[in-house]
Amino acid sequence: MAFHLTSVQSKFSVFFSVFLLWMAGSLVPGLQSAHAQGAKGPAMEVCAGCHEDYVKNFKSSAHGRTGDAKSPANNGGCAACHGDGTAHAAAGGGRGVGGLVNPSPSNKSMSADAKSAVCLSCHVTNRQLSFWDSGQHKKNDVSCANCHNPHASRAGVNDKMLRGSGMDYGPYRTTVRQLPYETCIACHREQRAQILKPSHHPIVEGKMNCHDCHNPHGAMTPVMLKAENYQDLCLTCHTDKRGPWIHEHPPVQENCATCHTPHGSSHNRLLAQKPPALCADCHPGGHTHGLYDGRGTLPGTNPSNIRFEGSGCVNCHRAIHGSNAPASAWGQYFMR
């Protein structure tokens, strides 16, 4: 039965890939004919007469690898993506002359789907693109070329051919590599501000990447997480919080983002607020309500004897994510 299901899934995957390839050709007819003819067109030396920098970068990029039989360099060069440029060269060049395909982000006359179709004509079988149609990027008219630069040189250690944001944070930079987050913050300005806060995941330091948690090429979750929910995603790294626990803290089991802000915070441990204000959102009563007016005390004590000014709930409730201590040791209160 398992073999049968695998066989069916494999056949569906092949069918889906062929369908996307057909769609790519229908969205960009000129490109379809170019691929059908083996991407015939002028030699790259002809293109270099006007576009010298592009051709130079192309030859040093992943697309320019002559040792790869499937690379554009071995399948027509510039014509593999831009179509036959014979008429364009004969007319002396010019933007849009000769029916060239230009999937650049600056080309407003071409739809995002048509631009992505140029890339999908080769990359359609990439498993990372399985959920491209379900992702938020495609739904918001983001094309492949918005994030990737097909002419990017590898000289800057940019193996993913990513576009930069033009924003260089000198004090935080610890590498010469093109870091993926620099591409993401070109659009995600709110997250750019968050990852620069005092408490943050080591993204700007280059130890983590946005795609460690998100799949930029599409996912079934609203924010394109690489897991079904926040809890499953966070526990892939924070395994010590997994449990199982005798005494469970409900917010921990439901959503880590209830207490933590994953991109950055002004409070320690990526907390959304500083304790005890954070805890008081769910626990407004007891000895947390009067922290700043002298009324916050333990039950049955004189208010003048014990006060909690300057203290956080986790000073006592240290096992806040869950406890395996017995009830006789106050385990139900997450104190150990």
C-alpha atoms as a PDB file:
ATOM      1  CA  MET A   1       0.000   0.000   0.000  1.00  0.00           C
ATOM      2  CA  ALA A   2       2.837   2.368   0.904  1.00  0.00           C
ATOM      3  CA  PHE A   3       4.538   1.618  -2.419  1.00  0.00           C
ATOM      4  CA  HIS A   4       1.315   2.317  -4.287  1.00  0.00           C
ATOM      5  CA  LEU A   5       0.865   5.693  -2.568  1.00  0.00           C
ATOM      6  CA  THR A   6       4.467   6.637  -3.267  1.00  0.00           C
ATOM      7  CA  SER A   7       4.011   5.716  -6.914  1.00  0.00           C
ATOM      8  CA  VAL A   8       0.861   7.817  -7.184  1.00  0.00           C
ATOM      9  CA  GLN A   9       2.551  10.794  -5.500  1.00  0.00           C
ATOM     10  CA  SER A  10       5.527  10.477  -7.837  1.00  0.00           C
ATOM     11  CA  LYS A  11       3.290  10.431 -10.916  1.00  0.00           C
ATOM     12  CA  PHE A  12       1.351  13.439  -9.627  1.00  0.00           C
ATOM     13  CA  SER A  13       4.591  15.335  -9.003  1.00  0.00           C
ATOM     14  CA  VAL A  14       5.745  14.685 -12.585  1.00  0.00           C
ATOM     15  CA  PHE A  15       2.361  15.714 -13.979  1.00  0.00           C
ATOM     16  CA  PHE A  16       2.329  18.893 -11.877  1.00  0.00           C
ATOM     17  CA  SER A  17       5.847  19.816 -13.020  1.00  0.00           C
ATOM     18  CA  VAL A  18       4.916  19.337 -16.687  1.00  0.00           C
ATOM     19  CA  PHE A  19       1.793  21.439 -16.150  1.00  0.00           C
ATOM     20  CA  LEU A  20       3.790  24.308 -14.620  1.00  0.00           C
ATOM     21  CA  LEU A  21       6.291  24.126 -17.460  1.00  0.00           C
ATOM     22  CA  TRP A  22       3.435  24.378 -19.957  1.00  0.00           C
ATOM     23  CA  MET A  23       2.033  27.344 -18.042  1.00  0.00           C
ATOM     24  CA  ALA A  24       5.431  29.037 -18.115  1.00  0.00           C
ATOM     25  CA  GLY A  25       5.456  28.764 -21.887  1.00  0.00           C
ATOM     26  CA  SER A  26       1.907  30.064 -22.213  1.00  0.00           C
ATOM     27  CA  LEU A  27       2.662  33.101 -20.042  1.00  0.00           C
ATOM     28  CA  VAL A  28       5.789  33.976 -22.023  1.00  0.00           C
ATOM     29  CA  PRO A  29       5.248  32.802 -25.639  1.00  0.00           C
ATOM     30  CA  GLY A  30       8.572  34.190 -26.843  1.00  0.00           C
ATOM     31  CA  LEU A  31      10.391  32.183 -24.239  1.00  0.00           C
ATOM     32  CA  GLN A  32       8.492  29.039 -25.177  1.00  0.00           C
ATOM     33  CA  SER A  33       9.632  29.311 -28.781  1.00  0.00           C
ATOM     34  CA  ALA A  34      13.190  30.042 -27.639  1.00  0.00           C
ATOM     35  CA  HIS A  35      13.305  26.841 -25.580  1.00  0.00           C
ATOM     36  CA  ALA A  36      11.671  24.848 -28.365  1.00  0.00           C
ATOM     37  CA  GLN A  37      14.440  25.978 -30.725  1.00  0.00           C
ATOM     38  CA  GLY A  38      17.203  25.367 -28.216  1.00  0.00           C
ATOM     39  CA  ALA A  39      17.247  29.064 -27.193  1.00  0.00           C
ATOM     40  CA  LYS A  40      18.847  30.317 -30.407  1.00  0.00           C
ATOM     41  CA  GLY A  41      19.999  33.907 -30.584  1.00  0.00           C
ATOM     42  CA  PRO A  42      23.040  36.127 -30.900  1.00  0.00           C
ATOM     43  CA  ALA A  43      26.209  35.066 -29.123  1.00  0.00           C
ATOM     44  CA  MET A  44      26.862  36.609 -25.714  1.00  0.00           C
ATOM     45  CA  GLU A  45      29.709  38.615 -27.225  1.00  0.00           C
ATOM     46  CA  VAL A  46      27.099  40.490 -29.267  1.00  0.00           C
ATOM     47  CA  CYS A  47      25.123  41.285 -26.116  1.00  0.00           C
ATOM     48  CA  ALA A  48      28.322  42.365 -24.361  1.00  0.00           C
ATOM     49  CA  GLY A  49      28.695  45.175 -26.868  1.00  0.00           C
ATOM     50  CA  CYS A  50      26.052  47.109 -24.923  1.00  0.00           C
ATOM     51  CA  HIS A  51      25.586  45.077 -21.756  1.00  0.00           C
ATOM     52  CA  GLU A  52      29.191  44.391 -20.805  1.00  0.00           C
ATOM     53  CA  ASP A  53      28.687  44.407 -17.032  1.00  0.00           C
ATOM     54  CA  TYR A  54      25.680  42.073 -17.210  1.00  0.00           C
ATOM     55  CA  VAL A  55      27.524  39.564 -19.388  1.00  0.00           C
ATOM     56  CA  LYS A  56      30.618  39.721 -17.186  1.00  0.00           C
ATOM     57  CA  ASN A  57      28.596  39.031 -14.043  1.00  0.00           C
ATOM     58  CA  PHE A  58      26.598  36.335 -15.815  1.00  0.00           C
ATOM     59  CA  LYS A  59      29.740  34.393 -16.685  1.00  0.00           C
ATOM     60  CA  SER A  60      30.827  34.348 -13.031  1.00  0.00           C
ATOM     61  CA  SER A  61      27.357  33.412 -11.750  1.00  0.00           C
ATOM     62  CA  ALA A  62      25.740  30.007 -11.238  1.00  0.00           C
ATOM     63  CA  HIS A  63      23.900  30.509 -14.533  1.00  0.00           C
ATOM     64  CA  GLY A  64      27.198  30.946 -16.343  1.00  0.00           C
ATOM     65  CA  ARG A  65      28.690  27.588 -15.376  1.00  0.00           C
ATOM     66  CA  THR A  66      29.842  25.971 -18.593  1.00  0.00           C
ATOM     67  CA  GLY A  67      30.497  22.706 -16.756  1.00  0.00           C
ATOM     68  CA  ASP A  68      26.776  22.252 -16.086  1.00  0.00           C
ATOM     69  CA  ALA A  69      24.956  20.882 -19.125  1.00  0.00           C
ATOM     70  CA  LYS A  70      21.647  22.342 -17.883  1.00  0.00           C
ATOM     71  CA  SER A  71      22.919  25.862 -17.218  1.00  0.00           C
ATOM     72  CA  PRO A  72      21.784  28.775 -19.422  1.00  0.00           C
ATOM     73  CA  ALA A  73      25.401  29.169 -20.527  1.00  0.00           C
ATOM     74  CA  ASN A  74      25.101  25.846 -22.379  1.00  0.00           C
ATOM     75  CA  ASN A  75      21.571  26.465 -23.634  1.00  0.00           C
ATOM     76  CA  GLY A  76      21.766  29.670 -25.599  1.00  0.00           C
ATOM     77  CA  GLY A  77      23.316  32.059 -23.084  1.00  0.00           C
ATOM     78  CA  CYS A  78      21.291  35.252 -22.822  1.00  0.00           C
ATOM     79  CA  ALA A  79      18.605  33.827 -25.130  1.00  0.00           C
ATOM     80  CA  ALA A  80      17.774  31.103 -22.586  1.00  0.00           C
ATOM     81  CA  CYS A  81      15.959  33.679 -20.435  1.00  0.00           C
ATOM     82  CA  HIS A  82      15.473  36.709 -22.704  1.00  0.00           C
ATOM     83  CA  GLY A  83      14.471  34.947 -25.913  1.00  0.00           C
ATOM     84  CA  ASP A  84      15.918  35.431 -29.383  1.00  0.00           C
ATOM     85  CA  GLY A  85      17.607  38.830 -29.463  1.00  0.00           C
ATOM     86  CA  THR A  86      18.422  38.856 -33.180  1.00  0.00           C
ATOM     87  CA  ALA A  87      15.839  41.525 -34.013  1.00  0.00           C
ATOM     88  CA  HIS A  88      16.860  43.496 -30.937  1.00  0.00           C
ATOM     89  CA  ALA A  89      20.527  43.543 -31.987  1.00  0.00           C
ATOM     90  CA  ALA A  90      19.676  44.300 -35.627  1.00  0.00           C
ATOM     91  CA  ALA A  91      17.668  47.350 -34.546  1.00  0.00           C
ATOM     92  CA  GLY A  92      20.583  48.675 -32.540  1.00  0.00           C
ATOM     93  CA  GLY A  93      19.085  47.816 -29.157  1.00  0.00           C
ATOM     94  CA  GLY A  94      16.729  49.881 -27.042  1.00  0.00           C
ATOM     95  CA  ARG A  95      14.377  49.094 -24.189  1.00  0.00           C
ATOM     96  CA  GLY A  96      11.655  46.729 -25.360  1.00  0.00           C
ATOM     97  CA  VAL A  97      12.894  46.658 -28.955  1.00  0.00           C
ATOM     98  CA  GLY A  98      12.795  43.320 -30.764  1.00  0.00           C
ATOM     99  CA  GLY A  99      10.363  41.597 -28.395  1.00  0.00           C
ATOM    100  CA  LEU A 100      12.941  40.670 -25.770  1.00  0.00           C
ATOM    101  CA  VAL A 101      11.720  39.178 -22.509  1.00  0.00           C
ATOM    102  CA  ASN A 102      12.805  41.317 -19.551  1.00  0.00           C
ATOM    103  CA  PRO A 103      11.754  39.884 -16.150  1.00  0.00           C
ATOM    104  CA  SER A 104      13.497  42.645 -14.210  1.00  0.00           C
ATOM    105  CA  PRO A 105      11.618  44.112 -11.195  1.00  0.00           C
ATOM    106  CA  SER A 106      11.835  47.500 -12.907  1.00  0.00           C
ATOM    107  CA  ASN A 107       9.757  46.240 -15.853  1.00  0.00           C
ATOM    108  CA  LYS A 108       6.229  47.337 -14.937  1.00  0.00           C
ATOM    109  CA  SER A 109       4.693  46.169 -18.220  1.00  0.00           C
ATOM    110  CA  MET A 110       5.257  42.486 -17.391  1.00  0.00           C
ATOM    111  CA  SER A 111       3.199  40.713 -14.738  1.00  0.00           C
ATOM    112  CA  ALA A 112       4.811  39.023 -11.734  1.00  0.00           C
ATOM    113  CA  ASP A 113       3.496  35.644 -12.912  1.00  0.00           C
ATOM    114  CA  ALA A 114       5.079  36.122 -16.331  1.00  0.00           C
ATOM    115  CA  LYS A 115       8.394  37.111 -14.753  1.00  0.00           C
ATOM    116  CA  SER A 116       8.410  34.069 -12.490  1.00  0.00           C
ATOM    117  CA  ALA A 117       7.461  31.860 -15.441  1.00  0.00           C
ATOM    118  CA  VAL A 118      10.838  32.658 -17.011  1.00  0.00           C
ATOM    119  CA  CYS A 119      12.590  31.138 -13.987  1.00  0.00           C
ATOM    120  CA  LEU A 120      10.115  28.284 -13.620  1.00  0.00           C
ATOM    121  CA  SER A 121      10.857  27.150 -17.157  1.00  0.00           C
ATOM    122  CA  CYS A 122      14.029  25.603 -15.661  1.00  0.00           C
ATOM    123  CA  HIS A 123      13.454  25.532 -11.892  1.00  0.00           C
ATOM    124  CA  VAL A 124       9.946  24.097 -11.942  1.00  0.00           C
ATOM    125  CA  THR A 125      11.151  20.688 -10.691  1.00  0.00           C
ATOM    126  CA  ASN A 126      12.819  22.174  -7.601  1.00  0.00           C
ATOM    127  CA  ARG A 127      11.127  20.659  -4.548  1.00  0.00           C
ATOM    128  CA  GLN A 128      11.489  23.971  -2.683  1.00  0.00           C
ATOM    129  CA  LEU A 129       8.904  25.413  -5.070  1.00  0.00           C
ATOM    130  CA  SER A 130       6.230  22.804  -4.346  1.00  0.00           C
ATOM    131  CA  PHE A 131       4.066  25.331  -2.471  1.00  0.00           C
ATOM    132  CA  TRP A 132       4.930  28.411  -4.515  1.00  0.00           C
ATOM    133  CA  ASP A 133       1.306  28.912  -5.588  1.00  0.00           C
ATOM    134  CA  SER A 134       0.151  28.731  -1.952  1.00  0.00           C
ATOM    135  CA  GLY A 135       2.748  31.192  -0.636  1.00  0.00           C
ATOM    136  CA  GLN A 136       2.162  34.799   0.312  1.00  0.00           C
ATOM    137  CA  HIS A 137       4.870  36.051  -2.036  1.00  0.00           C
ATOM    138  CA  LYS A 138       3.124  34.852  -5.175  1.00  0.00           C
ATOM    139  CA  LYS A 139      -0.243  36.056  -3.871  1.00  0.00           C
ATOM    140  CA  ASN A 140       1.260  39.527  -3.385  1.00  0.00           C
ATOM    141  CA  ASP A 141       2.800  39.691  -6.882  1.00  0.00           C
ATOM    142  CA  VAL A 142       6.368  39.066  -5.789  1.00  0.00           C
ATOM    143  CA  SER A 143       8.390  37.487  -8.592  1.00  0.00           C
ATOM    144  CA  CYS A 144      11.609  35.495  -8.424  1.00  0.00           C
ATOM    145  CA  ALA A 145      13.579  38.495  -9.688  1.00  0.00           C
ATOM    146  CA  ASN A 146      12.421  40.640  -6.755  1.00  0.00           C
ATOM    147  CA  CYS A 147      14.652  38.579  -4.462  1.00  0.00           C
ATOM    148  CA  HIS A 148      17.150  36.964  -6.839  1.00  0.00           C
ATOM    149  CA  ASN A 149      19.446  38.647  -9.337  1.00  0.00           C
ATOM    150  CA  PRO A 150      20.113  36.191 -12.196  1.00  0.00           C
ATOM    151  CA  HIS A 151      23.173  38.198 -13.222  1.00  0.00           C
ATOM    152  CA  ALA A 152      24.676  38.334  -9.724  1.00  0.00           C
ATOM    153  CA  SER A 153      28.379  37.615  -9.564  1.00  0.00           C
ATOM    154  CA  ARG A 154      29.610  34.991  -7.107  1.00  0.00           C
ATOM    155  CA  ALA A 155      32.626  37.146  -6.299  1.00  0.00           C
ATOM    156  CA  GLY A 156      30.881  38.445  -3.170  1.00  0.00           C
ATOM    157  CA  VAL A 157      30.147  34.947  -1.849  1.00  0.00           C
ATOM    158  CA  ASN A 158      26.515  35.195  -2.924  1.00  0.00           C
ATOM    159  CA  ASP A 159      25.751  31.630  -3.983  1.00  0.00           C
ATOM    160  CA  LYS A 160      21.970  32.178  -3.875  1.00  0.00           C
ATOM    161  CA  MET A 161      22.252  35.179  -6.216  1.00  0.00           C
ATOM    162  CA  LEU A 162      20.261  37.338  -3.799  1.00  0.00           C
ATOM    163  CA  ARG A 163      19.569  41.022  -4.174  1.00  0.00           C
ATOM    164  CA  GLY A 164      20.741  43.272  -1.365  1.00  0.00           C
ATOM    165  CA  SER A 165      18.695  45.949   0.350  1.00  0.00           C
ATOM    166  CA  GLY A 166      21.426  48.585   0.202  1.00  0.00           C
ATOM    167  CA  MET A 167      21.313  48.885   3.998  1.00  0.00           C
ATOM    168  CA  ASP A 168      24.607  48.024   5.670  1.00  0.00           C
ATOM    169  CA  TYR A 169      24.670  47.749   9.455  1.00  0.00           C
ATOM    170  CA  GLY A 170      28.364  48.173  10.148  1.00  0.00           C
ATOM    171  CA  PRO A 171      28.403  47.586  13.948  1.00  0.00           C
ATOM    172  CA  TYR A 172      26.690  44.236  13.552  1.00  0.00           C
ATOM    173  CA  ARG A 173      28.414  42.891  10.445  1.00  0.00           C
ATOM    174  CA  THR A 174      30.753  39.997  11.161  1.00  0.00           C
ATOM    175  CA  THR A 175      31.110  38.538   7.651  1.00  0.00           C
ATOM    176  CA  VAL A 176      31.631  39.585   4.050  1.00  0.00           C
ATOM    177  CA  ARG A 177      28.960  37.155   2.846  1.00  0.00           C
ATOM    178  CA  GLN A 178      25.684  38.356   1.366  1.00  0.00           C
ATOM    179  CA  LEU A 179      23.320  37.501   4.236  1.00  0.00           C
ATOM    180  CA  PRO A 180      19.781  36.440   3.261  1.00  0.00           C
ATOM    181  CA  TYR A 181      18.113  38.818   5.739  1.00  0.00           C
ATOM    182  CA  GLU A 182      19.489  41.751   3.751  1.00  0.00           C
ATOM    183  CA  THR A 183      17.172  40.743   0.918  1.00  0.00           C
ATOM    184  CA  CYS A 184      14.128  40.263   3.149  1.00  0.00           C
ATOM    185  CA  ILE A 185      14.336  43.625   4.932  1.00  0.00           C
ATOM    186  CA  ALA A 186      14.011  45.462   1.632  1.00  0.00           C
ATOM    187  CA  CYS A 187      10.258  44.805   1.995  1.00  0.00           C
ATOM    188  CA  HIS A 188       9.811  43.709   5.603  1.00  0.00           C
ATOM    189  CA  ARG A 189      10.655  47.020   7.274  1.00  0.00           C
ATOM    190  CA  GLU A 190       8.926  46.231  10.579  1.00  0.00           C
ATOM    191  CA  GLN A 191      11.018  43.091  11.014  1.00  0.00           C
ATOM    192  CA  ARG A 192      14.125  45.077  10.103  1.00  0.00           C
ATOM    193  CA  ALA A 193      13.527  47.297  13.122  1.00  0.00           C
ATOM    194  CA  GLN A 194      12.836  44.326  15.383  1.00  0.00           C
ATOM    195  CA  ILE A 195      15.997  42.352  14.585  1.00  0.00           C
ATOM    196  CA  LEU A 196      18.072  45.378  15.609  1.00  0.00           C
ATOM    197  CA  LYS A 197      16.592  45.495  19.113  1.00  0.00           C
ATOM    198  CA  PRO A 198      18.788  44.509  22.086  1.00  0.00           C
ATOM    199  CA  SER A 199      17.244  41.042  22.399  1.00  0.00           C
ATOM    200  CA  HIS A 200      17.111  39.286  19.043  1.00  0.00           C
ATOM    201  CA  HIS A 201      17.899  36.058  17.277  1.00  0.00           C
ATOM    202  CA  PRO A 202      21.437  36.184  15.811  1.00  0.00           C
ATOM    203  CA  ILE A 203      20.221  37.096  12.329  1.00  0.00           C
ATOM    204  CA  VAL A 204      22.269  40.234  11.713  1.00  0.00           C
ATOM    205  CA  GLU A 205      25.323  38.397  13.026  1.00  0.00           C
ATOM    206  CA  GLY A 206      24.904  35.762  10.309  1.00  0.00           C
ATOM    207  CA  LYS A 207      24.335  32.820  12.686  1.00  0.00           C
ATOM    208  CA  MET A 208      20.671  32.463  11.709  1.00  0.00           C
ATOM    209  CA  ASN A 209      18.727  33.190   8.553  1.00  0.00           C
ATOM    210  CA  CYS A 210      15.130  34.182   7.899  1.00  0.00           C
ATOM    211  CA  HIS A 211      14.691  30.959   5.923  1.00  0.00           C
ATOM    212  CA  ASP A 212      15.593  28.887   8.985  1.00  0.00           C
ATOM    213  CA  CYS A 213      12.028  29.550  10.150  1.00  0.00           C
ATOM    214  CA  HIS A 214      10.254  30.697   6.980  1.00  0.00           C
ATOM    215  CA  ASN A 215      10.097  29.175   3.510  1.00  0.00           C
ATOM    216  CA  PRO A 216      10.289  32.153   1.132  1.00  0.00           C
ATOM    217  CA  HIS A 217       9.215  29.953  -1.783  1.00  0.00           C
ATOM    218  CA  GLY A 218       5.834  29.166  -0.252  1.00  0.00           C
ATOM    219  CA  ALA A 219       4.139  27.183   2.499  1.00  0.00           C
ATOM    220  CA  MET A 220       0.635  26.332   3.638  1.00  0.00           C
ATOM    221  CA  THR A 221       0.872  28.463   6.797  1.00  0.00           C
ATOM    222  CA  PRO A 222      -0.084  32.185   6.767  1.00  0.00           C
ATOM    223  CA  VAL A 223       3.440  33.429   7.466  1.00  0.00           C
ATOM    224  CA  MET A 224       5.108  30.621   5.493  1.00  0.00           C
ATOM    225  CA  LEU A 225       6.547  28.825   8.506  1.00  0.00           C
ATOM    226  CA  LYS A 226       8.548  25.653   8.039  1.00  0.00           C
ATOM    227  CA  ALA A 227       6.264  23.907  10.519  1.00  0.00           C
ATOM    228  CA  GLU A 228       2.530  23.627  11.101  1.00  0.00           C
ATOM    229  CA  ASN A 229       2.568  26.040  14.046  1.00  0.00           C
ATOM    230  CA  TYR A 230       4.840  28.220  16.174  1.00  0.00           C
ATOM    231  CA  GLN A 231       5.303  25.616  18.873  1.00  0.00           C
ATOM    232  CA  ASP A 232       6.578  22.894  16.525  1.00  0.00           C
ATOM    233  CA  LEU A 233       8.897  25.379  14.840  1.00  0.00           C
ATOM    234  CA  CYS A 234      10.418  26.772  18.042  1.00  0.00           C
ATOM    235  CA  LEU A 235      10.944  23.331  19.538  1.00  0.00           C
ATOM    236  CA  THR A 236      13.185  22.302  16.650  1.00  0.00           C
ATOM    237  CA  CYS A 237      15.901  24.392  18.342  1.00  0.00           C
ATOM    238  CA  HIS A 238      14.608  24.901  21.883  1.00  0.00           C
ATOM    239  CA  THR A 239      14.323  21.196  22.648  1.00  0.00           C
ATOM    240  CA  ASP A 240      14.674  21.718  26.405  1.00  0.00           C
ATOM    241  CA  LYS A 241      11.201  23.303  26.394  1.00  0.00           C
ATOM    242  CA  ARG A 242       9.562  20.322  24.708  1.00  0.00           C
ATOM    243  CA  GLY A 243       8.582  18.347  27.818  1.00  0.00           C
ATOM    244  CA  PRO A 244       6.503  16.302  28.422  1.00  0.00           C
ATOM    245  CA  TRP A 245       5.555  17.972  31.694  1.00  0.00           C
ATOM    246  CA  ILE A 246       3.487  16.805  34.642  1.00  0.00           C
ATOM    247  CA  HIS A 247       2.351  20.395  35.116  1.00  0.00           C
ATOM    248  CA  GLU A 248       1.892  22.174  31.782  1.00  0.00           C
ATOM    249  CA  HIS A 249       1.710  25.928  31.290  1.00  0.00           C
ATOM    250  CA  PRO A 250      -1.159  26.380  28.778  1.00  0.00           C
ATOM    251  CA  PRO A 251       0.355  29.308  26.805  1.00  0.00           C
ATOM    252  CA  VAL A 252       3.488  27.241  26.204  1.00  0.00           C
ATOM    253  CA  GLN A 253       1.431  24.423  24.717  1.00  0.00           C
ATOM    254  CA  GLU A 254      -0.619  26.770  22.549  1.00  0.00           C
ATOM    255  CA  ASN A 255       1.684  29.397  21.055  1.00  0.00           C
ATOM    256  CA  CYS A 256       5.199  30.539  21.987  1.00  0.00           C
ATOM    257  CA  ALA A 257       4.405  33.931  20.442  1.00  0.00           C
ATOM    258  CA  THR A 258       1.932  34.593  23.269  1.00  0.00           C
ATOM    259  CA  CYS A 259       4.876  35.636  25.440  1.00  0.00           C
ATOM    260  CA  HIS A 260       7.769  35.993  22.998  1.00  0.00           C
ATOM    261  CA  THR A 261       8.290  38.159  19.920  1.00  0.00           C
ATOM    262  CA  PRO A 262      10.406  36.023  17.575  1.00  0.00           C
ATOM    263  CA  HIS A 263      12.103  38.806  15.609  1.00  0.00           C
ATOM    264  CA  GLY A 264      13.304  40.993  18.452  1.00  0.00           C
ATOM    265  CA  SER A 265      12.391  42.771  21.655  1.00  0.00           C
ATOM    266  CA  SER A 266      13.580  45.462  24.029  1.00  0.00           C
ATOM    267  CA  HIS A 267      13.203  42.948  26.861  1.00  0.00           C
ATOM    268  CA  ASN A 268      15.351  39.961  27.725  1.00  0.00           C
ATOM    269  CA  ARG A 269      14.633  36.572  26.141  1.00  0.00           C
ATOM    270  CA  LEU A 270      12.558  38.123  23.364  1.00  0.00           C
ATOM    271  CA  LEU A 271       9.671  38.724  25.764  1.00  0.00           C
ATOM    272  CA  ALA A 272       6.752  40.799  24.517  1.00  0.00           C
ATOM    273  CA  GLN A 273       6.674  42.708  27.837  1.00  0.00           C
ATOM    274  CA  LYS A 274       8.771  42.806  30.941  1.00  0.00           C
ATOM    275  CA  PRO A 275       7.557  40.617  33.814  1.00  0.00           C
ATOM    276  CA  PRO A 276       5.445  41.080  35.849  1.00  0.00           C
ATOM    277  CA  ALA A 277       3.432  43.096  33.312  1.00  0.00           C
ATOM    278  CA  LEU A 278       3.568  40.177  30.859  1.00  0.00           C
ATOM    279  CA  CYS A 279       2.249  37.680  33.414  1.00  0.00           C
ATOM    280  CA  ALA A 280      -0.443  40.085  34.585  1.00  0.00           C
ATOM    281  CA  ASP A 281      -2.095  39.899  31.160  1.00  0.00           C
ATOM    282  CA  CYS A 282      -3.367  36.456  32.122  1.00  0.00           C
ATOM    283  CA  HIS A 283      -2.964  36.588  35.927  1.00  0.00           C
ATOM    284  CA  PRO A 284      -4.428  39.958  36.995  1.00  0.00           C
ATOM    285  CA  GLY A 285      -5.283  38.855  40.533  1.00  0.00           C
ATOM    286  CA  GLY A 286      -3.335  37.420  43.448  1.00  0.00           C
ATOM    287  CA  HIS A 287      -0.057  39.005  44.448  1.00  0.00           C
ATOM    288  CA  THR A 288       0.699  40.539  41.054  1.00  0.00           C
ATOM    289  CA  HIS A 289      -1.892  43.302  40.888  1.00  0.00           C
ATOM    290  CA  GLY A 290      -0.254  45.702  43.345  1.00  0.00           C
ATOM    291  CA  LEU A 291       3.377  45.530  42.328  1.00  0.00           C
ATOM    292  CA  TYR A 292       3.778  49.262  42.058  1.00  0.00           C
ATOM    293  CA  ASP A 293       1.489  50.485  44.838  1.00  0.00           C
ATOM    294  CA  GLY A 294       2.724  48.434  47.810  1.00  0.00           C
ATOM    295  CA  ARG A 295      -0.306  46.115  47.892  1.00  0.00           C
ATOM    296  CA  GLY A 296       1.382  43.179  46.177  1.00  0.00           C
ATOM    297  CA  THR A 297       2.027  40.578  48.849  1.00  0.00           C
ATOM    298  CA  LEU A 298       1.739  36.885  49.441  1.00  0.00           C
ATOM    299  CA  PRO A 299      -1.675  35.693  50.698  1.00  0.00           C
ATOM    300  CA  GLY A 300      -2.167  36.036  54.450  1.00  0.00           C
ATOM    301  CA  THR A 301       0.774  38.385  55.036  1.00  0.00           C
ATOM    302  CA  ASN A 302       0.948  41.950  56.227  1.00  0.00           C
ATOM    303  CA  PRO A 303       1.325  44.296  53.226  1.00  0.00           C
ATOM    304  CA  SER A 304       4.181  46.066  54.988  1.00  0.00           C
ATOM    305  CA  ASN A 305       6.210  42.882  55.382  1.00  0.00           C
ATOM    306  CA  ILE A 306       6.664  41.559  51.842  1.00  0.00           C
ATOM    307  CA  ARG A 307       6.596  43.614  48.704  1.00  0.00           C
ATOM    308  CA  PHE A 308       7.435  42.755  45.139  1.00  0.00           C
ATOM    309  CA  GLU A 309       8.642  46.050  43.720  1.00  0.00           C
ATOM    310  CA  GLY A 310      11.508  45.430  41.313  1.00  0.00           C
ATOM    311  CA  SER A 311      10.874  41.703  41.199  1.00  0.00           C
ATOM    312  CA  GLY A 312       9.719  39.555  38.309  1.00  0.00           C
ATOM    313  CA  CYS A 313       7.396  36.570  38.527  1.00  0.00           C
ATOM    314  CA  VAL A 314      10.101  34.294  37.154  1.00  0.00           C
ATOM    315  CA  ASN A 315      12.302  35.042  40.162  1.00  0.00           C
ATOM    316  CA  CYS A 316      10.206  32.460  41.980  1.00  0.00           C
ATOM    317  CA  HIS A 317       8.280  30.703  39.191  1.00  0.00           C
ATOM    318  CA  ARG A 318      11.455  29.614  37.416  1.00  0.00           C
ATOM    319  CA  ALA A 319      10.125  26.544  35.606  1.00  0.00           C
ATOM    320  CA  ILE A 320       7.690  28.723  33.672  1.00  0.00           C
ATOM    321  CA  HIS A 321       7.602  26.475  30.580  1.00  0.00           C
ATOM    322  CA  GLY A 322       6.524  23.422  32.566  1.00  0.00           C
ATOM    323  CA  SER A 323       7.418  21.419  35.646  1.00  0.00           C
ATOM    324  CA  ASN A 324       7.888  17.789  36.561  1.00  0.00           C
ATOM    325  CA  ALA A 325       8.138  18.533  40.280  1.00  0.00           C
ATOM    326  CA  PRO A 326       5.436  16.945  42.470  1.00  0.00           C
ATOM    327  CA  ALA A 327       2.659  18.993  43.966  1.00  0.00           C
ATOM    328  CA  SER A 328       4.293  18.677  47.371  1.00  0.00           C
ATOM    329  CA  ALA A 329       7.192  20.694  45.952  1.00  0.00           C
ATOM    330  CA  TRP A 330       4.913  23.379  44.436  1.00  0.00           C
ATOM    331  CA  GLY A 331       5.344  21.932  40.949  1.00  0.00           C
ATOM    332  CA  GLN A 332       1.871  23.099  39.940  1.00  0.00           C
ATOM    333  CA  TYR A 333       3.048  26.660  40.499  1.00  0.00           C
ATOM    334  CA  PHE A 334       6.151  26.133  38.306  1.00  0.00           C
ATOM    335  CA  MET A 335       8.473  26.997  41.189  1.00  0.00           C
ATOM    336  CA  ARG A 336      10.942  24.202  40.425  1.00  0.00           C
END
